[in-house]
Every structure is written in C-alpha cells, then in structure tokens.
Protein backbone atom coordinates (compact mmCIF):
# COMPACT_ATOMS: atom_id res chain seq x y z
CA SER A 1 69.18 101.14 153.03
CA LEU A 2 72.31 103.33 151.93
CA GLY A 3 70.27 106.55 153.10
CA SER A 4 70.82 105.57 156.65
CA LYS A 5 72.12 108.55 159.04
CA THR A 6 73.55 108.73 162.27
CA LYS A 7 72.03 111.23 164.84
CA GLN A 8 73.79 114.05 163.91
CA GLY A 9 72.08 113.63 160.18
CA PHE A 10 75.38 112.03 157.75
CA PRO A 11 74.27 109.03 156.29
CA TRP A 12 77.00 106.81 157.01
CA LYS A 13 76.32 103.51 154.43
CA GLY A 14 76.53 105.87 151.51
CA GLY A 15 79.53 107.86 152.81
CA LEU A 16 81.37 104.45 153.24
CA ILE A 17 80.81 103.32 150.05
CA PHE A 18 81.39 105.66 148.10
CA ALA A 19 84.41 106.70 150.09
CA MET A 20 86.39 103.02 149.54
CA PRO A 21 86.73 103.87 145.87
CA SER A 22 87.36 107.66 146.33
CA LEU A 23 90.38 106.20 148.65
CA VAL A 24 91.61 103.78 145.63
CA ILE A 25 90.99 106.49 142.59
CA LEU A 26 93.68 108.66 144.72
CA GLN A 27 96.27 105.84 145.32
CA VAL A 28 95.78 105.07 141.43
CA PHE A 29 96.46 108.41 139.88
CA ASP A 30 98.44 111.09 140.26
CA LYS A 31 97.91 114.79 140.41
CA SER A 32 97.81 116.08 137.43
CA THR A 33 95.08 113.16 136.25
CA MET A 34 92.97 114.06 139.71
CA LEU A 35 93.02 117.72 138.73
CA THR A 36 91.84 116.33 135.02
CA LEU A 37 89.20 114.53 136.68
CA ALA A 38 88.02 116.90 138.97
CA VAL A 39 87.94 120.43 136.32
CA SER A 40 85.76 117.66 134.23
CA PHE A 41 83.26 117.28 137.15
CA ILE A 42 83.32 120.63 137.52
CA ALA A 43 82.53 121.50 133.96
CA ILE A 44 79.50 118.80 133.18
CA LEU A 45 78.02 119.36 136.42
CA TYR A 46 77.79 123.21 135.11
CA LEU A 47 76.37 121.82 131.97
CA ALA A 48 74.73 119.89 133.42
CA SER A 49 73.22 122.98 135.85
CA CYS A 50 72.78 125.30 132.37
CA ALA A 51 70.76 122.74 131.23
CA VAL A 52 68.05 122.38 133.72
CA ASP A 53 67.95 126.55 133.81
CA ILE A 54 68.05 126.54 129.77
CA LYS A 55 64.96 124.46 130.66
CA LYS A 56 63.47 125.96 133.61
CA LYS A 57 63.75 129.80 133.06
CA GLY A 58 64.95 129.78 129.19
CA LEU A 59 67.88 130.62 126.66
CA ASP A 60 69.80 133.41 127.97
CA VAL A 61 73.03 135.02 127.33
CA TYR A 62 74.65 133.57 130.80
CA ASN A 63 73.16 130.48 130.29
CA ILE A 64 74.77 129.86 126.27
CA MET A 65 78.33 131.37 128.08
CA GLY A 66 77.95 128.37 130.57
CA VAL A 67 77.37 125.98 128.09
CA ILE A 68 80.11 127.21 126.14
CA SER A 69 82.59 127.91 128.84
CA SER A 70 81.88 123.72 130.03
CA LEU A 71 82.28 122.04 126.68
CA LEU A 72 85.88 124.07 126.02
CA MET A 73 86.73 122.93 128.82
CA LEU A 74 86.12 119.41 127.70
CA TYR A 75 87.53 119.90 124.43
CA ASN A 76 90.77 120.05 125.70
CA VAL A 77 90.46 116.25 128.07
CA SER A 78 91.76 113.58 126.71
CA LEU A 79 89.42 110.51 125.90
CA TYR A 80 91.24 108.66 128.90
CA ILE A 81 90.06 111.58 131.54
CA LEU A 82 86.31 111.39 129.61
CA GLY A 83 86.31 107.40 129.65
CA LEU A 84 87.17 108.13 133.53
CA MET A 85 84.51 109.49 134.36
CA VAL A 86 81.69 108.30 132.76
CA SER A 87 82.53 105.11 134.37
CA ILE A 88 81.97 106.71 137.46
CA TYR A 89 79.35 107.90 136.58
CA LEU A 90 78.10 105.66 135.79
CA ILE A 91 78.95 103.10 138.79
CA GLY A 92 77.26 105.91 140.76
CA TYR A 93 74.46 105.88 138.43
CA THR A 94 74.23 102.28 138.65
CA ILE A 95 74.82 102.35 142.93
CA LYS A 96 71.51 104.51 143.14
CA LEU A 97 69.62 102.25 140.85
CA ILE A 98 70.06 98.88 143.15
CA ASN A 99 69.17 101.14 145.69
CA ARG A 100 65.85 102.20 144.51
CA LYS A 101 65.77 98.40 143.84
CA VAL A 102 64.71 98.75 140.53
CA LEU A 103 67.48 96.45 138.92
CA ILE A 104 67.42 93.48 141.23
C-alpha cells in the first residue's frame, strides 16, 4: 500500500509517487505560474477549512471573511491555473481511490 512507513514513520511509497509529478511540475512551469498555483491551492484549502468550520460551529464573522477572501483570491486566477489545479486534485483523488481499491 502507499501508506507503508519507514521506522521513522515516513510513508515512503506515497512520498515517492507524489515527488515525481512535483519534480515534473517544477521543471515545466515558470516561477509566476508556480506562485499563482501555490496561492490557489492555499485559497482552496482555506475555503474548504471555512466550510468545515461553518458546518461544525455555524456561521460567524471570521468564516464569512475567510470565504470572501478565498473567493476573491480565486477570482483573480486565470482559467489555465484553475484547470491545472483541478487536474492535480483529480489525479490525487484518483490515486487515493485506487489505493483504497475502490476503482479496481
């Protein structure tokens, strides 16, 4: 399984599988694209975090501000970056499903 760990607790198979596409991405895209991609990932994760917090604790001012700021960050991102980001998420999700043997 991808979760096989070393004695120190590092999941080396999963780390190796995800390191390879990361190296390709770093070689293919320029610095401005990488920066935009990183900010987009952070915005999506923050948006998801706010959604979970809203579901658990209810709506408050901080969650509203978090959702609005995340959406504003994503509003200024090009469709190319959003498509790339969604593709990376889908690849990771597919690998997760394969690892759980849901797709096989």
